[in-house]
Amino acid sequence: MNADFLLIQKMKRGDEAAFDSFVRKYYDDLLNYCHYHCFDPTYAEDLTQETFIRFFTKLSEFQFLGKTKNYLYTIAGNLCKDYYKKKKDLPAEREELEQNAAPSPFEAVTEKVMIESALQSLSPQLKEVILLYYFQDLNLSEIAEVLQISLSLVKYRLRQAKQQLRQVLEHT
């Protein structure tokens, strides 16, 4: 029987250890996913925690269909989209956070800035596919399920995103 199914059943019965196990199982992946969306570690942690809060709030209604991780990514993706909407209203906040960031080796910073810049140049749809594919190691069919789009559209977006990233990084 599926481990997630058993954990969810235990959580629905109020087993605290099951909640802890569930969070430990998915926390790092969701944190990385959120971090790649907002690039601010503090917000990434907040978004990750909010993902679990929303999942647990609706736990009694949740019907296990075998892809719990994909469902969590969907919640996190929606929270990240909300973050971007809010972020557009607060443009100076990111600059302030970047100035207060701890210094790191020059090469690592340069590479990270180039990658972040290249990712920011993508449309939200293309960026989402890249993040799920390369940074969350989801396969194409899982990405289609998370984004609720066809497999052919996922393939198209991935191809387009790769082309655009290549162009941006070559001109940098």
Protein backbone atom coordinates (compact mmCIF):
# COMPACT_ATOMS: atom_id res chain seq x y z
CA MET A 1 0.00 0.00 0.00
CA ASN A 2 1.19 3.54 -0.74
CA ALA A 3 3.10 5.25 2.11
CA ASP A 4 1.37 8.58 1.47
CA PHE A 5 -2.04 6.93 1.65
CA LEU A 6 -1.19 5.47 5.05
CA LEU A 7 0.22 8.78 6.31
CA ILE A 8 -2.87 10.66 5.18
CA GLN A 9 -5.16 8.15 6.87
CA LYS A 10 -3.18 8.51 10.10
CA MET A 11 -3.26 12.31 9.83
CA LYS A 12 -7.02 12.24 9.32
CA ARG A 13 -7.22 10.31 12.61
CA GLY A 14 -5.09 12.99 14.31
CA ASP A 15 -1.77 11.13 14.59
CA GLU A 16 0.82 13.85 15.34
CA ALA A 17 3.75 11.64 14.32
CA ALA A 18 2.17 11.19 10.89
CA PHE A 19 1.97 14.97 10.46
CA ASP A 20 5.65 15.27 11.36
CA SER A 21 6.63 12.50 8.96
CA PHE A 22 4.60 14.05 6.17
CA VAL A 23 6.18 17.47 6.60
CA ARG A 24 9.69 16.01 6.81
CA LYS A 25 9.06 14.00 3.65
CA TYR A 26 8.05 16.96 1.49
CA TYR A 27 9.45 20.05 3.19
CA ASP A 28 12.81 20.27 1.39
CA ASP A 29 11.32 19.75 -2.08
CA LEU A 30 8.63 22.36 -1.51
CA LEU A 31 11.11 24.80 0.01
CA ASN A 32 13.36 24.48 -3.04
CA TYR A 33 10.38 24.93 -5.34
CA CYS A 34 9.26 28.08 -3.53
CA HIS A 35 12.81 29.41 -3.38
CA TYR A 36 13.19 29.07 -7.14
CA HIS A 37 10.03 31.11 -7.53
CA CYS A 38 10.73 33.98 -5.18
CA PHE A 39 14.52 33.85 -4.62
CA ASP A 40 14.13 35.12 -1.06
CA PRO A 41 14.80 32.42 1.53
CA THR A 42 12.49 33.98 4.13
CA TYR A 43 9.54 34.19 1.75
CA ALA A 44 10.30 30.72 0.45
CA GLU A 45 10.03 29.36 3.99
CA ASP A 46 6.80 31.27 4.56
CA LEU A 47 5.32 29.99 1.30
CA THR A 48 6.36 26.43 2.13
CA GLN A 49 4.78 26.62 5.56
CA GLU A 50 1.64 28.14 4.09
CA THR A 51 1.48 25.26 1.61
CA PHE A 52 1.34 22.76 4.46
CA ILE A 53 -1.15 24.87 6.40
CA ARG A 54 -3.50 24.96 3.42
CA PHE A 55 -3.08 21.24 2.81
CA PHE A 56 -3.79 20.40 6.45
CA THR A 57 -6.75 22.80 6.59
CA LYS A 58 -8.44 20.87 3.79
CA LEU A 59 -7.15 17.44 4.86
CA SER A 60 -10.59 16.12 5.78
CA GLU A 61 -11.77 16.82 2.21
CA PHE A 62 -8.62 15.47 0.54
CA GLN A 63 -9.13 12.33 -1.51
CA PHE A 64 -5.95 10.39 -2.13
CA LEU A 65 -5.41 9.78 -5.84
CA GLY A 66 -1.77 8.73 -5.66
CA LYS A 67 -0.03 12.04 -6.39
CA THR A 68 0.16 13.90 -3.10
CA LYS A 69 3.40 15.63 -4.06
CA ASN A 70 1.82 17.00 -7.22
CA TYR A 71 -1.09 18.34 -5.19
CA LEU A 72 1.35 20.06 -2.82
CA TYR A 73 3.17 21.59 -5.81
CA THR A 74 -0.16 22.90 -7.09
CA ILE A 75 -0.85 24.60 -3.76
CA ALA A 76 2.71 25.99 -3.64
CA GLY A 77 2.45 27.17 -7.24
CA ASN A 78 -0.73 29.08 -6.48
CA LEU A 79 0.87 30.67 -3.43
CA CYS A 80 3.89 31.67 -5.53
CA LYS A 81 1.61 33.25 -8.11
CA ASP A 82 -0.06 35.23 -5.34
CA TYR A 83 3.40 36.23 -4.12
CA TYR A 84 4.24 37.62 -7.57
CA LYS A 85 1.01 39.61 -7.67
CA LYS A 86 1.83 41.06 -4.27
CA LYS A 87 5.48 41.59 -5.26
CA LYS A 88 4.46 43.84 -8.16
CA ASP A 89 2.96 46.19 -5.59
CA LEU A 90 6.23 46.29 -3.56
CA PRO A 91 9.09 46.70 -6.07
CA ALA A 92 11.63 48.24 -3.68
CA GLU A 93 11.34 45.40 -1.15
CA ARG A 94 13.37 42.92 -3.22
CA GLU A 95 16.21 45.40 -3.76
CA GLU A 96 16.39 46.02 -0.03
CA LEU A 97 16.48 42.31 0.74
CA GLU A 98 19.18 41.69 -1.86
CA GLN A 99 21.33 44.47 -0.39
CA ASN A 100 21.02 42.93 3.08
CA ALA A 101 21.90 39.43 1.87
CA ALA A 102 25.05 37.81 3.22
CA PRO A 103 27.97 38.05 0.81
CA SER A 104 29.17 34.91 -0.97
CA PRO A 105 31.99 34.12 -3.42
CA PHE A 106 31.94 36.31 -6.52
CA GLU A 107 31.57 33.48 -9.02
CA ALA A 108 28.65 31.90 -7.20
CA VAL A 109 26.87 35.22 -6.94
CA THR A 110 27.46 36.03 -10.58
CA GLU A 111 26.18 32.65 -11.69
CA LYS A 112 23.12 32.85 -9.47
CA VAL A 113 22.28 36.35 -10.72
CA MET A 114 22.62 35.22 -14.32
CA ILE A 115 20.36 32.23 -13.75
CA GLU A 116 17.81 34.26 -11.79
CA SER A 117 17.82 36.93 -14.47
CA ALA A 118 17.42 34.36 -17.21
CA LEU A 119 14.55 32.69 -15.35
CA GLN A 120 12.88 36.05 -14.73
CA SER A 121 12.98 36.75 -18.46
CA LEU A 122 10.70 33.77 -19.11
CA SER A 123 6.95 34.03 -19.09
CA PRO A 124 5.37 32.58 -15.94
CA GLN A 125 4.15 29.53 -17.87
CA LEU A 126 7.58 28.70 -19.28
CA LYS A 127 9.32 29.40 -15.98
CA GLU A 128 6.96 27.05 -14.14
CA VAL A 129 7.75 24.17 -16.50
CA ILE A 130 11.52 24.74 -16.16
CA LEU A 131 11.35 24.85 -12.37
CA LEU A 132 9.28 21.70 -12.11
CA TYR A 133 11.39 19.82 -14.64
CA TYR A 134 14.93 20.78 -13.65
CA PHE A 135 14.68 21.84 -10.04
CA GLN A 136 11.94 19.54 -8.76
CA ASP A 137 12.78 16.55 -10.98
CA LEU A 138 9.22 15.95 -12.11
CA ASN A 139 8.71 14.08 -15.34
CA LEU A 140 6.67 15.57 -18.17
CA SER A 141 3.45 13.75 -17.32
CA GLU A 142 3.70 14.82 -13.67
CA ILE A 143 4.19 18.42 -14.78
CA ALA A 144 1.12 18.15 -16.99
CA GLU A 145 -0.86 16.89 -14.00
CA VAL A 146 0.41 19.61 -11.64
CA LEU A 147 -0.26 22.40 -14.13
CA GLN A 148 -3.44 20.78 -15.42
CA ILE A 149 -2.36 21.09 -19.05
CA SER A 150 -1.78 18.56 -21.83
CA LEU A 151 1.46 16.63 -22.15
CA SER A 152 2.07 18.11 -25.60
CA LEU A 153 1.77 21.62 -24.15
CA VAL A 154 4.30 20.75 -21.45
CA LYS A 155 6.73 19.52 -24.12
CA TYR A 156 6.19 22.68 -26.16
CA ARG A 157 6.70 24.97 -23.17
CA LEU A 158 9.83 23.11 -22.10
CA ARG A 159 11.30 23.39 -25.59
CA GLN A 160 10.43 27.10 -25.78
CA ALA A 161 11.86 27.78 -22.34
CA LYS A 162 15.13 26.03 -23.18
CA GLN A 163 15.47 28.07 -26.36
CA GLN A 164 14.76 31.34 -24.59
CA LEU A 165 17.14 30.54 -21.73
CA ARG A 166 19.88 29.62 -24.17
CA GLN A 167 19.43 32.95 -25.99
CA VAL A 168 19.42 34.98 -22.78
CA LEU A 169 22.46 33.24 -21.32
CA GLU A 170 24.42 33.53 -24.57
CA HIS A 171 23.90 37.30 -24.61
CA THR A 172 24.93 37.73 -20.99
